[in-house]
Amino acid sequence: MSKLSAREQEVLWLLAAGRRNAEIAEALCVSIKTVEFHNRRIYEKLGARSRADALIKAQQRSILSWPQAS
């Protein structure tokens, strides 16, 4: 697995926050096509088939870590 770039990590965090591609594009000041490109690269690097799959795999690999419930 290739390491995610800083921008891919940003996109991944916004995906985890439930943002849509248009919202991510606006937040990062890029085009929707650019966000779609980053999504594809994230999926490739994680071996994911969907957003949900990408988020699960990222969490399993400690790329994303959720706060623990107390």
PDB file of N, CA and C in Angstrom:
ATOM      1  N   MET A   1       0.836  -1.184   0.000  1.00  0.00           N
ATOM      2  CA  MET A   1       0.000   0.000   0.000  1.00  0.00           C
ATOM      3  C   MET A   1       0.877   1.242   0.000  1.00  0.00           C
ATOM      4  N   SER A   2       0.586   2.158  -0.898  1.00  0.00           N
ATOM      5  CA  SER A   2       1.283   3.440  -0.921  1.00  0.00           C
ATOM      6  C   SER A   2       0.719   4.332   0.169  1.00  0.00           C
ATOM      7  N   LYS A   3       1.563   5.182   0.696  1.00  0.00           N
ATOM      8  CA  LYS A   3       1.136   6.118   1.716  1.00  0.00           C
ATOM      9  C   LYS A   3       0.263   7.195   1.085  1.00  0.00           C
ATOM     10  N   LEU A   4      -0.780   7.608   1.796  1.00  0.00           N
ATOM     11  CA  LEU A   4      -1.638   8.675   1.304  1.00  0.00           C
ATOM     12  C   LEU A   4      -0.900  10.000   1.385  1.00  0.00           C
ATOM     13  N   SER A   5      -1.105  10.834   0.365  1.00  0.00           N
ATOM     14  CA  SER A   5      -0.519  12.170   0.384  1.00  0.00           C
ATOM     15  C   SER A   5      -1.258  13.022   1.415  1.00  0.00           C
ATOM     16  N   ALA A   6      -0.686  14.158   1.741  1.00  0.00           N
ATOM     17  CA  ALA A   6      -1.331  15.064   2.697  1.00  0.00           C
ATOM     18  C   ALA A   6      -2.706  15.477   2.188  1.00  0.00           C
ATOM     19  N   ARG A   7      -2.830  15.761   0.911  1.00  0.00           N
ATOM     20  CA  ARG A   7      -4.115  16.172   0.338  1.00  0.00           C
ATOM     21  C   ARG A   7      -5.117  15.013   0.381  1.00  0.00           C
ATOM     22  N   GLU A   8      -4.652  13.804   0.088  1.00  0.00           N
ATOM     23  CA  GLU A   8      -5.534  12.642   0.158  1.00  0.00           C
ATOM     24  C   GLU A   8      -6.031  12.433   1.583  1.00  0.00           C
ATOM     25  N   GLN A   9      -5.180  12.672   2.559  1.00  0.00           N
ATOM     26  CA  GLN A   9      -5.593  12.562   3.959  1.00  0.00           C
ATOM     27  C   GLN A   9      -6.654  13.611   4.290  1.00  0.00           C
ATOM     28  N   GLU A  10      -6.475  14.825   3.776  1.00  0.00           N
ATOM     29  CA  GLU A  10      -7.489  15.868   3.982  1.00  0.00           C
ATOM     30  C   GLU A  10      -8.830  15.438   3.408  1.00  0.00           C
ATOM     31  N   VAL A  11      -8.792  14.935   2.173  1.00  0.00           N
ATOM     32  CA  VAL A  11     -10.023  14.474   1.522  1.00  0.00           C
ATOM     33  C   VAL A  11     -10.642  13.338   2.329  1.00  0.00           C
ATOM     34  N   LEU A  12      -9.832  12.423   2.796  1.00  0.00           N
ATOM     35  CA  LEU A  12     -10.328  11.297   3.580  1.00  0.00           C
ATOM     36  C   LEU A  12     -11.021  11.776   4.844  1.00  0.00           C
ATOM     37  N   TRP A  13     -10.447  12.741   5.542  1.00  0.00           N
ATOM     38  CA  TRP A  13     -11.068  13.277   6.752  1.00  0.00           C
ATOM     39  C   TRP A  13     -12.404  13.932   6.431  1.00  0.00           C
ATOM     40  N   LEU A  14     -12.468  14.639   5.308  1.00  0.00           N
ATOM     41  CA  LEU A  14     -13.733  15.266   4.923  1.00  0.00           C
ATOM     42  C   LEU A  14     -14.767  14.213   4.528  1.00  0.00           C
ATOM     43  N   LEU A  15     -14.314  13.128   3.905  1.00  0.00           N
ATOM     44  CA  LEU A  15     -15.217  12.004   3.617  1.00  0.00           C
ATOM     45  C   LEU A  15     -15.754  11.434   4.926  1.00  0.00           C
ATOM     46  N   ALA A  16     -14.865  11.279   5.892  1.00  0.00           N
ATOM     47  CA  ALA A  16     -15.256  10.730   7.192  1.00  0.00           C
ATOM     48  C   ALA A  16     -16.265  11.642   7.899  1.00  0.00           C
ATOM     49  N   ALA A  17     -16.170  12.934   7.613  1.00  0.00           N
ATOM     50  CA  ALA A  17     -17.102  13.902   8.209  1.00  0.00           C
ATOM     51  C   ALA A  17     -18.446  13.911   7.485  1.00  0.00           C
ATOM     52  N   GLY A  18     -18.560  13.081   6.438  1.00  0.00           N
ATOM     53  CA  GLY A  18     -19.826  12.983   5.727  1.00  0.00           C
ATOM     54  C   GLY A  18     -20.014  14.007   4.632  1.00  0.00           C
ATOM     55  N   ARG A  19     -18.933  14.682   4.255  1.00  0.00           N
ATOM     56  CA  ARG A  19     -19.036  15.711   3.208  1.00  0.00           C
ATOM     57  C   ARG A  19     -19.207  15.087   1.836  1.00  0.00           C
ATOM     58  N   ARG A  20     -19.969  15.723   0.986  1.00  0.00           N
ATOM     59  CA  ARG A  20     -20.130  15.313  -0.411  1.00  0.00           C
ATOM     60  C   ARG A  20     -18.986  15.898  -1.227  1.00  0.00           C
ATOM     61  N   ASN A  21     -18.805  15.352  -2.433  1.00  0.00           N
ATOM     62  CA  ASN A  21     -17.703  15.818  -3.281  1.00  0.00           C
ATOM     63  C   ASN A  21     -17.743  17.325  -3.502  1.00  0.00           C
ATOM     64  N   ALA A  22     -18.917  17.880  -3.752  1.00  0.00           N
ATOM     65  CA  ALA A  22     -19.034  19.325  -3.990  1.00  0.00           C
ATOM     66  C   ALA A  22     -18.617  20.111  -2.746  1.00  0.00           C
ATOM     67  N   GLU A  23     -18.982  19.619  -1.574  1.00  0.00           N
ATOM     68  CA  GLU A  23     -18.610  20.294  -0.327  1.00  0.00           C
ATOM     69  C   GLU A  23     -17.109  20.209  -0.084  1.00  0.00           C
ATOM     70  N   ILE A  24     -16.522  19.069  -0.402  1.00  0.00           N
ATOM     71  CA  ILE A  24     -15.074  18.897  -0.255  1.00  0.00           C
ATOM     72  C   ILE A  24     -14.353  19.839  -1.211  1.00  0.00           C
ATOM     73  N   ALA A  25     -14.831  19.899  -2.449  1.00  0.00           N
ATOM     74  CA  ALA A  25     -14.222  20.780  -3.452  1.00  0.00           C
ATOM     75  C   ALA A  25     -14.250  22.226  -2.973  1.00  0.00           C
ATOM     76  N   GLU A  26     -15.379  22.650  -2.444  1.00  0.00           N
ATOM     77  CA  GLU A  26     -15.501  24.022  -1.956  1.00  0.00           C
ATOM     78  C   GLU A  26     -14.570  24.271  -0.769  1.00  0.00           C
ATOM     79  N   ALA A  27     -14.528  23.329   0.157  1.00  0.00           N
ATOM     80  CA  ALA A  27     -13.682  23.487   1.351  1.00  0.00           C
ATOM     81  C   ALA A  27     -12.205  23.567   1.000  1.00  0.00           C
ATOM     82  N   LEU A  28     -11.790  22.818  -0.040  1.00  0.00           N
ATOM     83  CA  LEU A  28     -10.375  22.769  -0.415  1.00  0.00           C
ATOM     84  C   LEU A  28     -10.031  23.698  -1.578  1.00  0.00           C
ATOM     85  N   CYS A  29     -11.038  24.414  -2.081  1.00  0.00           N
ATOM     86  CA  CYS A  29     -10.847  25.345  -3.207  1.00  0.00           C
ATOM     87  C   CYS A  29     -10.278  24.630  -4.441  1.00  0.00           C
ATOM     88  N   VAL A  30     -10.878  23.482  -4.767  1.00  0.00           N
ATOM     89  CA  VAL A  30     -10.501  22.718  -5.955  1.00  0.00           C
ATOM     90  C   VAL A  30     -11.779  22.338  -6.697  1.00  0.00           C
ATOM     91  N   SER A  31     -11.626  21.761  -7.878  1.00  0.00           N
ATOM     92  CA  SER A  31     -12.796  21.337  -8.648  1.00  0.00           C
ATOM     93  C   SER A  31     -13.317  19.988  -8.144  1.00  0.00           C
ATOM     94  N   ILE A  32     -14.546  19.705  -8.491  1.00  0.00           N
ATOM     95  CA  ILE A  32     -15.128  18.409  -8.147  1.00  0.00           C
ATOM     96  C   ILE A  32     -14.333  17.292  -8.817  1.00  0.00           C
ATOM     97  N   LYS A  33     -13.870  17.527 -10.047  1.00  0.00           N
ATOM     98  CA  LYS A  33     -13.063  16.518 -10.757  1.00  0.00           C
ATOM     99  C   LYS A  33     -11.795  16.200  -9.966  1.00  0.00           C
ATOM    100  N   THR A  34     -11.195  17.210  -9.357  1.00  0.00           N
ATOM    101  CA  THR A  34      -9.995  16.995  -8.548  1.00  0.00           C
ATOM    102  C   THR A  34     -10.327  16.136  -7.327  1.00  0.00           C
ATOM    103  N   VAL A  35     -11.445  16.399  -6.701  1.00  0.00           N
ATOM    104  CA  VAL A  35     -11.872  15.594  -5.549  1.00  0.00           C
ATOM    105  C   VAL A  35     -12.110  14.161  -5.992  1.00  0.00           C
ATOM    106  N   GLU A  36     -12.756  13.973  -7.139  1.00  0.00           N
ATOM    107  CA  GLU A  36     -13.004  12.625  -7.659  1.00  0.00           C
ATOM    108  C   GLU A  36     -11.685  11.897  -7.928  1.00  0.00           C
ATOM    109  N   PHE A  37     -10.696  12.631  -8.439  1.00  0.00           N
ATOM    110  CA  PHE A  37      -9.366  12.044  -8.672  1.00  0.00           C
ATOM    111  C   PHE A  37      -8.763  11.589  -7.346  1.00  0.00           C
ATOM    112  N   HIS A  38      -8.822  12.445  -6.328  1.00  0.00           N
ATOM    113  CA  HIS A  38      -8.277  12.083  -5.014  1.00  0.00           C
ATOM    114  C   HIS A  38      -9.019  10.876  -4.439  1.00  0.00           C
ATOM    115  N   ASN A  39     -10.341  10.847  -4.613  1.00  0.00           N
ATOM    116  CA  ASN A  39     -11.116   9.696  -4.134  1.00  0.00           C
ATOM    117  C   ASN A  39     -10.623   8.409  -4.791  1.00  0.00           C
ATOM    118  N   ARG A  40     -10.439   8.429  -6.103  1.00  0.00           N
ATOM    119  CA  ARG A  40      -9.971   7.237  -6.805  1.00  0.00           C
ATOM    120  C   ARG A  40      -8.611   6.791  -6.292  1.00  0.00           C
ATOM    121  N   ARG A  41      -7.703   7.744  -6.085  1.00  0.00           N
ATOM    122  CA  ARG A  41      -6.367   7.410  -5.575  1.00  0.00           C
ATOM    123  C   ARG A  41      -6.451   6.824  -4.162  1.00  0.00           C
ATOM    124  N   ILE A  42      -7.312   7.381  -3.325  1.00  0.00           N
ATOM    125  CA  ILE A  42      -7.501   6.860  -1.970  1.00  0.00           C
ATOM    126  C   ILE A  42      -8.008   5.425  -2.042  1.00  0.00           C
ATOM    127  N   TYR A  43      -9.016   5.187  -2.868  1.00  0.00           N
ATOM    128  CA  TYR A  43      -9.573   3.841  -3.010  1.00  0.00           C
ATOM    129  C   TYR A  43      -8.507   2.870  -3.487  1.00  0.00           C
ATOM    130  N   GLU A  44      -7.730   3.289  -4.495  1.00  0.00           N
ATOM    131  CA  GLU A  44      -6.660   2.421  -5.020  1.00  0.00           C
ATOM    132  C   GLU A  44      -5.654   2.074  -3.930  1.00  0.00           C
ATOM    133  N   LYS A  45      -5.188   3.089  -3.233  1.00  0.00           N
ATOM    134  CA  LYS A  45      -4.148   2.886  -2.232  1.00  0.00           C
ATOM    135  C   LYS A  45      -4.628   2.033  -1.065  1.00  0.00           C
ATOM    136  N   LEU A  46      -5.918   2.139  -0.724  1.00  0.00           N
ATOM    137  CA  LEU A  46      -6.456   1.371   0.392  1.00  0.00           C
ATOM    138  C   LEU A  46      -7.061   0.047  -0.052  1.00  0.00           C
ATOM    139  N   GLY A  47      -7.212  -0.148  -1.355  1.00  0.00           N
ATOM    140  CA  GLY A  47      -7.859  -1.356  -1.857  1.00  0.00           C
ATOM    141  C   GLY A  47      -9.344  -1.360  -1.533  1.00  0.00           C
ATOM    142  N   ALA A  48      -9.956  -0.172  -1.583  1.00  0.00           N
ATOM    143  CA  ALA A  48     -11.357  -0.009  -1.213  1.00  0.00           C
ATOM    144  C   ALA A  48     -12.251   0.056  -2.452  1.00  0.00           C
ATOM    145  N   ARG A  49     -13.515  -0.273  -2.245  1.00  0.00           N
ATOM    146  CA  ARG A  49     -14.494  -0.255  -3.335  1.00  0.00           C
ATOM    147  C   ARG A  49     -15.526   0.860  -3.187  1.00  0.00           C
ATOM    148  N   SER A  50     -15.572   1.475  -2.015  1.00  0.00           N
ATOM    149  CA  SER A  50     -16.567   2.514  -1.752  1.00  0.00           C
ATOM    150  C   SER A  50     -16.043   3.453  -0.670  1.00  0.00           C
ATOM    151  N   ARG A  51     -16.790   4.519  -0.432  1.00  0.00           N
ATOM    152  CA  ARG A  51     -16.411   5.437   0.647  1.00  0.00           C
ATOM    153  C   ARG A  51     -16.395   4.719   1.984  1.00  0.00           C
ATOM    154  N   ALA A  52     -17.460   3.980   2.247  1.00  0.00           N
ATOM    155  CA  ALA A  52     -17.548   3.276   3.528  1.00  0.00           C
ATOM    156  C   ALA A  52     -16.384   2.298   3.681  1.00  0.00           C
ATOM    157  N   ASP A  53     -16.086   1.569   2.625  1.00  0.00           N
ATOM    158  CA  ASP A  53     -14.980   0.617   2.646  1.00  0.00           C
ATOM    159  C   ASP A  53     -13.650   1.346   2.881  1.00  0.00           C
ATOM    160  N   ALA A  54     -13.470   2.480   2.232  1.00  0.00           N
ATOM    161  CA  ALA A  54     -12.240   3.261   2.409  1.00  0.00           C
ATOM    162  C   ALA A  54     -12.095   3.720   3.856  1.00  0.00           C
ATOM    163  N   LEU A  55     -13.187   4.168   4.454  1.00  0.00           N
ATOM    164  CA  LEU A  55     -13.132   4.635   5.839  1.00  0.00           C
ATOM    165  C   LEU A  55     -12.834   3.492   6.808  1.00  0.00           C
ATOM    166  N   ILE A  56     -13.430   2.339   6.562  1.00  0.00           N
ATOM    167  CA  ILE A  56     -13.165   1.170   7.407  1.00  0.00           C
ATOM    168  C   ILE A  56     -11.706   0.761   7.294  1.00  0.00           C
ATOM    169  N   LYS A  57     -11.197   0.682   6.065  1.00  0.00           N
ATOM    170  CA  LYS A  57      -9.807   0.263   5.861  1.00  0.00           C
ATOM    171  C   LYS A  57      -8.833   1.289   6.434  1.00  0.00           C
ATOM    172  N   ALA A  58      -9.164   2.569   6.317  1.00  0.00           N
ATOM    173  CA  ALA A  58      -8.310   3.610   6.881  1.00  0.00           C
ATOM    174  C   ALA A  58      -8.263   3.496   8.399  1.00  0.00           C
ATOM    175  N   GLN A  59      -9.397   3.208   9.003  1.00  0.00           N
ATOM    176  CA  GLN A  59      -9.423   3.047  10.456  1.00  0.00           C
ATOM    177  C   GLN A  59      -8.631   1.812  10.865  1.00  0.00           C
ATOM    178  N   GLN A  60      -8.798   0.720  10.134  1.00  0.00           N
ATOM    179  CA  GLN A  60      -8.070  -0.514  10.453  1.00  0.00           C
ATOM    180  C   GLN A  60      -6.563  -0.314  10.369  1.00  0.00           C
ATOM    181  N   ARG A  61      -6.128   0.560   9.465  1.00  0.00           N
ATOM    182  CA  ARG A  61      -4.694   0.813   9.278  1.00  0.00           C
ATOM    183  C   ARG A  61      -4.200   2.012  10.080  1.00  0.00           C
ATOM    184  N   SER A  62      -5.044   2.493  10.967  1.00  0.00           N
ATOM    185  CA  SER A  62      -4.725   3.635  11.841  1.00  0.00           C
ATOM    186  C   SER A  62      -4.414   4.904  11.056  1.00  0.00           C
ATOM    187  N   ILE A  63      -4.978   5.034   9.869  1.00  0.00           N
ATOM    188  CA  ILE A  63      -4.863   6.289   9.118  1.00  0.00           C
ATOM    189  C   ILE A  63      -5.876   7.275   9.690  1.00  0.00           C
ATOM    190  N   LEU A  64      -7.040   6.764  10.053  1.00  0.00           N
ATOM    191  CA  LEU A  64      -8.055   7.528  10.766  1.00  0.00           C
ATOM    192  C   LEU A  64      -8.219   6.850  12.107  1.00  0.00           C
ATOM    193  N   SER A  65      -8.342   7.635  13.142  1.00  0.00           N
ATOM    194  CA  SER A  65      -8.630   7.021  14.432  1.00  0.00           C
ATOM    195  C   SER A  65      -9.782   7.791  15.068  1.00  0.00           C
ATOM    196  N   TRP A  66     -10.769   7.061  15.506  1.00  0.00           N
ATOM    197  CA  TRP A  66     -11.948   7.667  16.106  1.00  0.00           C
ATOM    198  C   TRP A  66     -11.738   7.764  17.601  1.00  0.00           C
ATOM    199  N   PRO A  67     -12.287   8.790  18.220  1.00  0.00           N
ATOM    200  CA  PRO A  67     -12.189   8.887  19.679  1.00  0.00           C
ATOM    201  C   PRO A  67     -12.851   7.686  20.340  1.00  0.00           C
ATOM    202  N   GLN A  68     -12.262   7.206  21.407  1.00  0.00           N
ATOM    203  CA  GLN A  68     -12.811   6.076  22.130  1.00  0.00           C
ATOM    204  C   GLN A  68     -13.940   6.559  23.038  1.00  0.00           C
ATOM    205  N   ALA A  69     -15.014   5.776  23.091  1.00  0.00           N
ATOM    206  CA  ALA A  69     -16.129   6.108  23.997  1.00  0.00           C
ATOM    207  C   ALA A  69     -15.681   5.850  25.433  1.00  0.00           C
ATOM    208  N   SER A  70     -16.133   6.697  26.328  1.00  0.00           N
ATOM    209  CA  SER A  70     -15.733   6.519  27.737  1.00  0.00           C
ATOM    210  C   SER A  70     -16.757   5.784  28.522  1.00  0.00           C
TER     211      SER A  70
END
